[in-house]
Amino acid sequence: MSSPTEIFAASIVPDAVEALTELGRPDEAEPRVDALELNGRRLDRPWMLAVGARCRATVLAARCDVGAAVRTAGCALTQHDRLAMPFERARTQLLLGRLIRRERSDATAALRDALAIFEQLGTPLWADRARAELAGAGRRARRPAQDGLTPAEQRVAELAASGLTNRDVAATLFISSKTV
């Protein structure tokens, strides 16, 4: 698939990749990611390399390969060092925080950095997403609800009850199928 990759022509690609993966269609997102990565390497375009890596991490997470997704998001942040685009960096930090929040304590730092940038840029919807992830990262202790489930377990149960497969639930929540 041929896909434009310069910022002016491809600014919607990251949103399209995110939407497709949220819908459980990472195979449709992957050609867009491939184009960003290929042209980013070929032309040494920091935006394509950074966003391409973030999109690749999103696809990997949707396929339940969270470890590879975390590593790839880290590579994206390295590319962001070459850019003066704080919003794009904050989106990558938000993704990284989501990916690692259940695995490591440094998720909170990534999520706080993303929140600070989103607030500074005046993007309330993105700031709300970061706040929601921070709230989840802060729930370290198991606090059962009245029905005996933690908030995370309740969310898994709701998604499963809605008809999603374990793999789909895992991809939606950025956790492994085994955890579901």
N, C-alpha and C. Protein backbone atom coordinates (compact mmCIF):
# COMPACT_ATOMS: atom_id res chain seq x y z
N MET A 1 0.84 -1.18 0.00
CA MET A 1 0.00 0.00 0.00
C MET A 1 0.88 1.24 0.00
N SER A 2 0.59 2.16 -0.85
CA SER A 2 1.31 3.42 -0.88
C SER A 2 0.59 4.40 0.03
N SER A 3 1.33 5.01 0.90
CA SER A 3 0.73 5.92 1.87
C SER A 3 1.62 7.14 2.03
N PRO A 4 1.03 8.34 2.02
CA PRO A 4 1.86 9.52 2.21
C PRO A 4 2.44 9.51 3.62
N THR A 5 3.66 10.05 3.76
CA THR A 5 4.31 10.01 5.06
C THR A 5 4.86 11.35 5.53
N GLU A 6 4.83 12.38 4.71
CA GLU A 6 5.26 13.70 5.17
C GLU A 6 4.18 14.26 6.10
N ILE A 7 4.59 15.09 7.04
CA ILE A 7 3.67 15.59 8.07
C ILE A 7 2.41 16.20 7.46
N PHE A 8 2.58 17.07 6.46
CA PHE A 8 1.41 17.75 5.90
C PHE A 8 0.43 16.80 5.24
N ALA A 9 0.92 15.68 4.73
CA ALA A 9 0.05 14.73 4.03
C ALA A 9 -0.33 13.53 4.91
N ALA A 10 0.42 13.30 5.96
CA ALA A 10 0.22 12.07 6.74
C ALA A 10 -0.10 12.33 8.21
N SER A 11 -0.51 13.53 8.53
CA SER A 11 -0.74 13.84 9.94
C SER A 11 -1.84 12.99 10.56
N ILE A 12 -2.71 12.41 9.73
CA ILE A 12 -3.78 11.56 10.27
C ILE A 12 -3.37 10.10 10.42
N VAL A 13 -2.21 9.73 9.89
CA VAL A 13 -1.79 8.32 9.94
C VAL A 13 -1.73 7.80 11.38
N PRO A 14 -1.10 8.52 12.32
CA PRO A 14 -1.07 7.99 13.69
C PRO A 14 -2.47 7.78 14.27
N ASP A 15 -3.40 8.68 13.99
CA ASP A 15 -4.76 8.52 14.48
C ASP A 15 -5.44 7.32 13.82
N ALA A 16 -5.18 7.14 12.53
CA ALA A 16 -5.76 6.00 11.82
C ALA A 16 -5.23 4.68 12.38
N VAL A 17 -3.94 4.63 12.65
CA VAL A 17 -3.34 3.42 13.22
C VAL A 17 -3.94 3.14 14.59
N GLU A 18 -4.05 4.16 15.42
CA GLU A 18 -4.63 3.98 16.74
C GLU A 18 -6.08 3.50 16.64
N ALA A 19 -6.84 4.11 15.77
CA ALA A 19 -8.25 3.72 15.61
C ALA A 19 -8.37 2.29 15.11
N LEU A 20 -7.59 1.94 14.11
CA LEU A 20 -7.67 0.58 13.57
C LEU A 20 -7.28 -0.46 14.62
N THR A 21 -6.26 -0.16 15.40
CA THR A 21 -5.87 -1.14 16.42
C THR A 21 -6.90 -1.22 17.54
N GLU A 22 -7.49 -0.10 17.90
CA GLU A 22 -8.56 -0.11 18.91
C GLU A 22 -9.75 -0.93 18.43
N LEU A 23 -9.97 -0.95 17.13
CA LEU A 23 -11.06 -1.73 16.55
C LEU A 23 -10.67 -3.19 16.33
N GLY A 24 -9.45 -3.55 16.73
CA GLY A 24 -9.01 -4.94 16.56
C GLY A 24 -8.58 -5.26 15.15
N ARG A 25 -8.11 -4.25 14.41
CA ARG A 25 -7.72 -4.44 13.01
C ARG A 25 -6.27 -4.02 12.76
N PRO A 26 -5.32 -4.59 13.53
CA PRO A 26 -3.92 -4.19 13.36
C PRO A 26 -3.35 -4.54 11.99
N ASP A 27 -3.89 -5.56 11.34
CA ASP A 27 -3.40 -5.92 10.01
C ASP A 27 -3.66 -4.81 8.99
N GLU A 28 -4.74 -4.06 9.19
CA GLU A 28 -5.03 -2.93 8.30
C GLU A 28 -4.17 -1.73 8.64
N ALA A 29 -3.72 -1.63 9.88
CA ALA A 29 -2.89 -0.51 10.30
C ALA A 29 -1.43 -0.69 9.87
N GLU A 30 -1.01 -1.93 9.80
CA GLU A 30 0.41 -2.21 9.58
C GLU A 30 0.99 -1.62 8.29
N PRO A 31 0.31 -1.64 7.14
CA PRO A 31 0.90 -1.04 5.94
C PRO A 31 1.19 0.46 6.12
N ARG A 32 0.37 1.14 6.88
CA ARG A 32 0.61 2.56 7.14
C ARG A 32 1.86 2.74 7.99
N VAL A 33 2.02 1.86 8.97
CA VAL A 33 3.20 1.90 9.82
C VAL A 33 4.44 1.58 8.99
N ASP A 34 4.35 0.56 8.15
CA ASP A 34 5.47 0.18 7.30
C ASP A 34 5.93 1.36 6.44
N ALA A 35 4.98 2.09 5.87
CA ALA A 35 5.33 3.23 5.01
C ALA A 35 6.04 4.32 5.81
N LEU A 36 5.55 4.61 7.00
CA LEU A 36 6.21 5.62 7.84
C LEU A 36 7.64 5.20 8.16
N GLU A 37 7.80 3.96 8.59
CA GLU A 37 9.12 3.49 8.97
C GLU A 37 10.08 3.45 7.77
N LEU A 38 9.61 2.94 6.65
CA LEU A 38 10.46 2.84 5.46
C LEU A 38 10.92 4.21 5.00
N ASN A 39 9.99 5.13 4.85
CA ASN A 39 10.37 6.47 4.38
C ASN A 39 11.15 7.23 5.45
N GLY A 40 10.87 6.98 6.70
CA GLY A 40 11.64 7.62 7.76
C GLY A 40 13.10 7.22 7.70
N ARG A 41 13.35 5.94 7.51
CA ARG A 41 14.74 5.47 7.40
C ARG A 41 15.38 5.97 6.11
N ARG A 42 14.64 5.87 5.02
CA ARG A 42 15.18 6.24 3.71
C ARG A 42 15.54 7.72 3.64
N LEU A 43 14.70 8.56 4.23
CA LEU A 43 14.87 10.01 4.15
C LEU A 43 15.44 10.63 5.43
N ASP A 44 15.64 9.81 6.47
CA ASP A 44 16.07 10.28 7.78
C ASP A 44 15.19 11.43 8.28
N ARG A 45 13.89 11.18 8.31
CA ARG A 45 12.92 12.16 8.78
C ARG A 45 12.56 11.83 10.23
N PRO A 46 12.96 12.68 11.18
CA PRO A 46 12.69 12.41 12.58
C PRO A 46 11.20 12.19 12.89
N TRP A 47 10.32 12.97 12.27
CA TRP A 47 8.89 12.81 12.55
C TRP A 47 8.41 11.44 12.13
N MET A 48 8.78 11.02 10.93
CA MET A 48 8.36 9.70 10.46
C MET A 48 8.94 8.59 11.34
N LEU A 49 10.18 8.74 11.76
CA LEU A 49 10.82 7.72 12.59
C LEU A 49 10.16 7.64 13.96
N ALA A 50 9.90 8.80 14.57
CA ALA A 50 9.30 8.83 15.90
C ALA A 50 7.86 8.33 15.88
N VAL A 51 7.07 8.86 14.98
CA VAL A 51 5.66 8.47 14.90
C VAL A 51 5.53 7.04 14.37
N GLY A 52 6.39 6.68 13.43
CA GLY A 52 6.37 5.31 12.93
C GLY A 52 6.65 4.31 14.03
N ALA A 53 7.61 4.62 14.89
CA ALA A 53 7.92 3.72 16.00
C ALA A 53 6.76 3.67 16.99
N ARG A 54 6.14 4.82 17.27
CA ARG A 54 4.98 4.82 18.17
C ARG A 54 3.86 3.98 17.57
N CYS A 55 3.61 4.13 16.30
CA CYS A 55 2.57 3.35 15.64
C CYS A 55 2.91 1.86 15.65
N ARG A 56 4.18 1.53 15.44
CA ARG A 56 4.61 0.13 15.49
C ARG A 56 4.36 -0.42 16.90
N ALA A 57 4.66 0.36 17.92
CA ALA A 57 4.42 -0.08 19.30
C ALA A 57 2.93 -0.32 19.53
N THR A 58 2.09 0.52 18.94
CA THR A 58 0.65 0.36 19.08
C THR A 58 0.19 -0.95 18.44
N VAL A 59 0.71 -1.25 17.26
CA VAL A 59 0.36 -2.50 16.58
C VAL A 59 0.86 -3.70 17.37
N LEU A 60 2.08 -3.62 17.87
CA LEU A 60 2.63 -4.72 18.67
C LEU A 60 1.79 -4.96 19.92
N ALA A 61 1.37 -3.88 20.57
CA ALA A 61 0.53 -4.02 21.77
C ALA A 61 -0.80 -4.66 21.42
N ALA A 62 -1.36 -4.27 20.27
CA ALA A 62 -2.63 -4.85 19.85
C ALA A 62 -2.50 -6.34 19.58
N ARG A 63 -1.29 -6.77 19.25
CA ARG A 63 -1.03 -8.19 19.02
C ARG A 63 -0.52 -8.88 20.28
N CYS A 64 -0.65 -8.19 21.41
CA CYS A 64 -0.30 -8.73 22.73
C CYS A 64 1.19 -8.98 22.91
N ASP A 65 2.04 -8.30 22.16
CA ASP A 65 3.48 -8.37 22.35
C ASP A 65 3.93 -7.11 23.08
N VAL A 66 3.56 -7.05 24.35
CA VAL A 66 3.76 -5.83 25.14
C VAL A 66 5.25 -5.54 25.34
N GLY A 67 6.06 -6.57 25.53
CA GLY A 67 7.50 -6.35 25.71
C GLY A 67 8.12 -5.65 24.51
N ALA A 68 7.81 -6.14 23.32
CA ALA A 68 8.33 -5.51 22.09
C ALA A 68 7.74 -4.11 21.92
N ALA A 69 6.49 -3.94 22.31
CA ALA A 69 5.85 -2.62 22.21
C ALA A 69 6.55 -1.62 23.11
N VAL A 70 6.91 -2.03 24.32
CA VAL A 70 7.61 -1.13 25.26
C VAL A 70 8.97 -0.73 24.68
N ARG A 71 9.72 -1.70 24.16
CA ARG A 71 11.03 -1.40 23.57
C ARG A 71 10.89 -0.45 22.38
N THR A 72 9.89 -0.68 21.55
CA THR A 72 9.69 0.15 20.36
C THR A 72 9.26 1.56 20.74
N ALA A 73 8.41 1.69 21.75
CA ALA A 73 8.02 3.03 22.22
C ALA A 73 9.23 3.77 22.77
N GLY A 74 10.13 3.04 23.42
CA GLY A 74 11.37 3.65 23.90
C GLY A 74 12.21 4.18 22.75
N CYS A 75 12.28 3.42 21.67
CA CYS A 75 12.99 3.88 20.47
C CYS A 75 12.34 5.13 19.88
N ALA A 76 11.01 5.16 19.93
CA ALA A 76 10.30 6.35 19.44
C ALA A 76 10.71 7.59 20.24
N LEU A 77 10.83 7.45 21.55
CA LEU A 77 11.23 8.59 22.38
C LEU A 77 12.62 9.08 22.01
N THR A 78 13.50 8.17 21.64
CA THR A 78 14.84 8.56 21.20
C THR A 78 14.74 9.44 19.95
N GLN A 79 13.87 9.06 19.03
CA GLN A 79 13.68 9.86 17.82
C GLN A 79 13.03 11.21 18.15
N HIS A 80 12.16 11.24 19.15
CA HIS A 80 11.53 12.49 19.54
C HIS A 80 12.56 13.51 20.03
N ASP A 81 13.70 13.05 20.51
CA ASP A 81 14.75 13.96 20.94
C ASP A 81 15.22 14.85 19.80
N ARG A 82 14.99 14.42 18.57
CA ARG A 82 15.39 15.19 17.39
C ARG A 82 14.31 16.16 16.93
N LEU A 83 13.18 16.17 17.61
CA LEU A 83 12.03 16.97 17.19
C LEU A 83 11.65 18.02 18.24
N ALA A 84 11.13 19.12 17.76
CA ALA A 84 10.56 20.12 18.65
C ALA A 84 9.04 20.04 18.51
N MET A 85 8.50 18.86 18.85
CA MET A 85 7.06 18.62 18.73
C MET A 85 6.58 17.97 20.03
N PRO A 86 6.36 18.80 21.06
CA PRO A 86 6.03 18.24 22.38
C PRO A 86 4.73 17.43 22.40
N PHE A 87 3.76 17.77 21.59
CA PHE A 87 2.50 17.02 21.59
C PHE A 87 2.74 15.58 21.12
N GLU A 88 3.51 15.42 20.06
CA GLU A 88 3.82 14.08 19.56
C GLU A 88 4.59 13.28 20.60
N ARG A 89 5.55 13.93 21.26
CA ARG A 89 6.32 13.26 22.30
C ARG A 89 5.39 12.82 23.44
N ALA A 90 4.48 13.71 23.84
CA ALA A 90 3.57 13.38 24.93
C ALA A 90 2.67 12.21 24.56
N ARG A 91 2.24 12.13 23.31
CA ARG A 91 1.45 10.97 22.88
C ARG A 91 2.24 9.68 23.02
N THR A 92 3.51 9.74 22.68
CA THR A 92 4.36 8.55 22.81
C THR A 92 4.57 8.21 24.29
N GLN A 93 4.77 9.22 25.12
CA GLN A 93 4.93 8.98 26.56
C GLN A 93 3.65 8.39 27.15
N LEU A 94 2.51 8.85 26.69
CA LEU A 94 1.24 8.30 27.15
C LEU A 94 1.14 6.82 26.78
N LEU A 95 1.47 6.49 25.56
CA LEU A 95 1.44 5.09 25.14
C LEU A 95 2.41 4.26 25.98
N LEU A 96 3.63 4.75 26.15
CA LEU A 96 4.62 4.02 26.93
C LEU A 96 4.13 3.82 28.37
N GLY A 97 3.57 4.85 28.95
CA GLY A 97 3.05 4.72 30.31
C GLY A 97 1.94 3.69 30.40
N ARG A 98 1.07 3.68 29.40
CA ARG A 98 0.00 2.68 29.37
C ARG A 98 0.56 1.27 29.28
N LEU A 99 1.60 1.12 28.49
CA LEU A 99 2.18 -0.20 28.28
C LEU A 99 2.89 -0.73 29.53
N ILE A 100 3.56 0.15 30.23
CA ILE A 100 4.39 -0.33 31.35
C ILE A 100 3.75 -0.14 32.72
N ARG A 101 2.61 0.47 32.79
CA ARG A 101 2.06 0.79 34.11
C ARG A 101 1.79 -0.43 34.96
N ARG A 102 1.49 -1.55 34.38
CA ARG A 102 1.25 -2.76 35.16
C ARG A 102 2.52 -3.56 35.39
N GLU A 103 3.59 -3.18 34.70
CA GLU A 103 4.81 -3.96 34.79
C GLU A 103 5.91 -3.29 35.60
N ARG A 104 5.98 -1.98 35.53
CA ARG A 104 7.09 -1.29 36.18
C ARG A 104 6.65 0.03 36.79
N SER A 105 7.41 0.47 37.78
CA SER A 105 7.05 1.69 38.49
C SER A 105 7.33 2.95 37.69
N ASP A 106 8.19 2.91 36.65
CA ASP A 106 8.50 4.12 35.91
C ASP A 106 7.36 4.57 35.00
N ALA A 107 6.27 3.84 34.97
CA ALA A 107 5.11 4.27 34.18
C ALA A 107 4.60 5.61 34.70
N THR A 108 4.60 5.80 35.99
CA THR A 108 4.07 7.03 36.57
C THR A 108 4.84 8.25 36.05
N ALA A 109 6.16 8.14 35.97
CA ALA A 109 6.96 9.27 35.48
C ALA A 109 6.62 9.60 34.03
N ALA A 110 6.50 8.58 33.18
CA ALA A 110 6.16 8.82 31.78
C ALA A 110 4.77 9.44 31.66
N LEU A 111 3.84 8.94 32.45
CA LEU A 111 2.47 9.48 32.39
C LEU A 111 2.41 10.90 32.92
N ARG A 112 3.15 11.20 33.98
CA ARG A 112 3.17 12.58 34.50
C ARG A 112 3.78 13.54 33.49
N ASP A 113 4.86 13.10 32.82
CA ASP A 113 5.47 13.95 31.79
C ASP A 113 4.48 14.22 30.66
N ALA A 114 3.78 13.18 30.23
CA ALA A 114 2.78 13.35 29.16
C ALA A 114 1.69 14.31 29.62
N LEU A 115 1.19 14.13 30.84
CA LEU A 115 0.13 15.01 31.36
C LEU A 115 0.60 16.46 31.39
N ALA A 116 1.80 16.70 31.89
CA ALA A 116 2.31 18.07 31.97
C ALA A 116 2.37 18.72 30.60
N ILE A 117 2.82 17.98 29.59
CA ILE A 117 2.90 18.55 28.24
C ILE A 117 1.51 18.82 27.69
N PHE A 118 0.60 17.85 27.84
CA PHE A 118 -0.76 18.06 27.35
C PHE A 118 -1.41 19.27 28.02
N GLU A 119 -1.20 19.45 29.32
CA GLU A 119 -1.78 20.61 30.03
C GLU A 119 -1.14 21.90 29.54
N GLN A 120 0.17 21.89 29.36
CA GLN A 120 0.88 23.08 28.88
C GLN A 120 0.41 23.47 27.48
N LEU A 121 0.12 22.47 26.65
CA LEU A 121 -0.32 22.74 25.28
C LEU A 121 -1.81 23.05 25.19
N GLY A 122 -2.53 22.91 26.30
CA GLY A 122 -3.97 23.20 26.29
C GLY A 122 -4.78 22.18 25.51
N THR A 123 -4.44 20.90 25.66
CA THR A 123 -5.18 19.82 24.99
C THR A 123 -5.90 19.00 26.06
N PRO A 124 -7.07 19.46 26.48
CA PRO A 124 -7.76 18.83 27.62
C PRO A 124 -8.16 17.38 27.41
N LEU A 125 -8.57 17.00 26.22
CA LEU A 125 -8.96 15.60 26.00
C LEU A 125 -7.77 14.66 26.20
N TRP A 126 -6.61 15.06 25.68
CA TRP A 126 -5.42 14.24 25.86
C TRP A 126 -4.97 14.27 27.31
N ALA A 127 -5.09 15.41 27.97
CA ALA A 127 -4.74 15.49 29.39
C ALA A 127 -5.64 14.57 30.20
N ASP A 128 -6.92 14.50 29.86
CA ASP A 128 -7.84 13.60 30.56
C ASP A 128 -7.43 12.14 30.38
N ARG A 129 -6.99 11.79 29.18
CA ARG A 129 -6.53 10.41 28.95
C ARG A 129 -5.32 10.10 29.84
N ALA A 130 -4.38 11.05 29.91
CA ALA A 130 -3.20 10.85 30.74
C ALA A 130 -3.58 10.75 32.22
N ARG A 131 -4.52 11.59 32.66
CA ARG A 131 -4.99 11.53 34.06
C ARG A 131 -5.62 10.18 34.37
N ALA A 132 -6.42 9.67 33.44
CA ALA A 132 -7.06 8.38 33.65
C ALA A 132 -6.01 7.27 33.78
N GLU A 133 -4.99 7.33 32.95
CA GLU A 133 -3.92 6.33 33.04
C GLU A 133 -3.15 6.48 34.34
N LEU A 134 -2.91 7.72 34.76
CA LEU A 134 -2.23 7.94 36.04
C LEU A 134 -3.05 7.39 37.19
N ALA A 135 -4.34 7.56 37.13
CA ALA A 135 -5.21 7.03 38.19
C ALA A 135 -5.08 5.51 38.24
N GLY A 136 -5.02 4.88 37.10
CA GLY A 136 -4.84 3.43 37.06
C GLY A 136 -3.47 3.02 37.55
N ALA A 137 -2.45 3.82 37.24
CA ALA A 137 -1.09 3.50 37.68
C ALA A 137 -0.96 3.64 39.18
N GLY A 138 -1.77 4.51 39.76
CA GLY A 138 -1.70 4.72 41.20
C GLY A 138 -2.38 3.63 42.01
N ARG A 139 -3.11 2.77 41.35
CA ARG A 139 -3.82 1.69 42.05
C ARG A 139 -2.91 0.48 42.19
N ARG A 140 -1.98 0.56 43.09
CA ARG A 140 -1.05 -0.54 43.29
C ARG A 140 -1.65 -1.62 44.19
N ALA A 141 -2.35 -1.18 45.21
CA ALA A 141 -2.91 -2.15 46.15
C ALA A 141 -4.21 -2.71 45.59
N ARG A 142 -4.49 -3.94 45.92
CA ARG A 142 -5.74 -4.56 45.48
C ARG A 142 -6.85 -4.03 46.36
N ARG A 143 -7.78 -3.33 45.74
CA ARG A 143 -8.92 -2.79 46.47
C ARG A 143 -10.18 -3.39 45.87
N PRO A 144 -10.66 -4.47 46.43
CA PRO A 144 -11.85 -5.09 45.86
C PRO A 144 -13.07 -4.18 45.95
N ALA A 145 -13.86 -4.23 44.92
CA ALA A 145 -15.15 -3.53 44.93
C ALA A 145 -16.12 -4.35 45.77
N GLN A 146 -17.34 -3.90 45.87
CA GLN A 146 -18.34 -4.60 46.68
C GLN A 146 -18.53 -6.03 46.21
N ASP A 147 -18.41 -6.27 44.92
CA ASP A 147 -18.62 -7.62 44.41
C ASP A 147 -17.36 -8.48 44.46
N GLY A 148 -16.29 -7.97 45.10
CA GLY A 148 -15.07 -8.75 45.26
C GLY A 148 -14.05 -8.58 44.16
N LEU A 149 -14.31 -7.76 43.15
CA LEU A 149 -13.37 -7.53 42.05
C LEU A 149 -12.66 -6.20 42.24
N THR A 150 -11.40 -6.18 41.84
CA THR A 150 -10.68 -4.90 41.81
C THR A 150 -11.23 -4.11 40.62
N PRO A 151 -10.94 -2.80 40.55
CA PRO A 151 -11.40 -2.03 39.39
C PRO A 151 -10.88 -2.60 38.07
N ALA A 152 -9.64 -3.07 38.05
CA ALA A 152 -9.08 -3.65 36.82
C ALA A 152 -9.81 -4.94 36.46
N GLU A 153 -10.07 -5.76 37.44
CA GLU A 153 -10.80 -7.01 37.18
C GLU A 153 -12.22 -6.73 36.71
N GLN A 154 -12.83 -5.69 37.26
CA GLN A 154 -14.17 -5.31 36.85
C GLN A 154 -14.18 -4.90 35.38
N ARG A 155 -13.16 -4.13 34.96
CA ARG A 155 -13.08 -3.69 33.56
C ARG A 155 -12.90 -4.89 32.63
N VAL A 156 -12.06 -5.84 33.01
CA VAL A 156 -11.87 -7.05 32.21
C VAL A 156 -13.19 -7.80 32.09
N ALA A 157 -13.88 -7.94 33.22
CA ALA A 157 -15.16 -8.66 33.21
C ALA A 157 -16.18 -7.98 32.31
N GLU A 158 -16.23 -6.66 32.37
CA GLU A 158 -17.19 -5.92 31.54
C GLU A 158 -16.90 -6.12 30.05
N LEU A 159 -15.62 -6.04 29.69
CA LEU A 159 -15.26 -6.21 28.28
C LEU A 159 -15.55 -7.64 27.82
N ALA A 160 -15.24 -8.61 28.67
CA ALA A 160 -15.52 -10.00 28.31
C ALA A 160 -17.02 -10.23 28.17
N ALA A 161 -17.79 -9.64 29.06
CA ALA A 161 -19.25 -9.79 29.01
C ALA A 161 -19.84 -9.13 27.77
N SER A 162 -19.13 -8.13 27.22
CA SER A 162 -19.63 -7.46 26.02
C SER A 162 -19.42 -8.30 24.77
N GLY A 163 -18.72 -9.44 24.92
CA GLY A 163 -18.55 -10.34 23.78
C GLY A 163 -17.15 -10.35 23.20
N LEU A 164 -16.23 -9.56 23.75
CA LEU A 164 -14.86 -9.56 23.23
C LEU A 164 -14.16 -10.86 23.62
N THR A 165 -13.26 -11.30 22.77
CA THR A 165 -12.44 -12.46 23.10
C THR A 165 -11.36 -12.04 24.10
N ASN A 166 -10.72 -13.01 24.73
CA ASN A 166 -9.64 -12.68 25.66
C ASN A 166 -8.55 -11.87 24.97
N ARG A 167 -8.23 -12.25 23.75
CA ARG A 167 -7.20 -11.52 22.99
C ARG A 167 -7.63 -10.07 22.75
N ASP A 168 -8.91 -9.85 22.41
CA ASP A 168 -9.40 -8.49 22.19
C ASP A 168 -9.39 -7.68 23.48
N VAL A 169 -9.79 -8.31 24.57
CA VAL A 169 -9.77 -7.63 25.88
C VAL A 169 -8.33 -7.24 26.21
N ALA A 170 -7.40 -8.17 26.02
CA ALA A 170 -5.99 -7.90 26.30
C ALA A 170 -5.46 -6.73 25.47
N ALA A 171 -5.79 -6.72 24.20
CA ALA A 171 -5.32 -5.64 23.33
C ALA A 171 -5.92 -4.30 23.73
N THR A 172 -7.19 -4.29 24.10
CA THR A 172 -7.85 -3.06 24.51
C THR A 172 -7.23 -2.48 25.78
N LEU A 173 -6.86 -3.35 26.70
CA LEU A 173 -6.33 -2.91 28.00
C LEU A 173 -4.81 -2.91 28.07
N PHE A 174 -4.14 -3.27 26.97
CA PHE A 174 -2.69 -3.35 26.92
C PHE A 174 -2.15 -4.29 28.01
N ILE A 175 -2.75 -5.45 28.11
CA ILE A 175 -2.27 -6.49 29.02
C ILE A 175 -2.16 -7.78 28.21
N SER A 176 -1.58 -8.80 28.80
CA SER A 176 -1.44 -10.05 28.07
C SER A 176 -2.74 -10.86 28.13
N SER A 177 -2.90 -11.74 27.15
CA SER A 177 -4.07 -12.62 27.14
C SER A 177 -4.08 -13.50 28.38
N LYS A 178 -2.90 -13.90 28.83
CA LYS A 178 -2.78 -14.72 30.01
C LYS A 178 -3.32 -13.97 31.24
N THR A 179 -3.07 -12.69 31.32
CA THR A 179 -3.57 -11.89 32.44
C THR A 179 -5.08 -11.83 32.43
N VAL A 180 -5.67 -11.74 31.24
CA VAL A 180 -7.14 -11.72 31.13
C VAL A 180 -7.70 -13.00 31.69
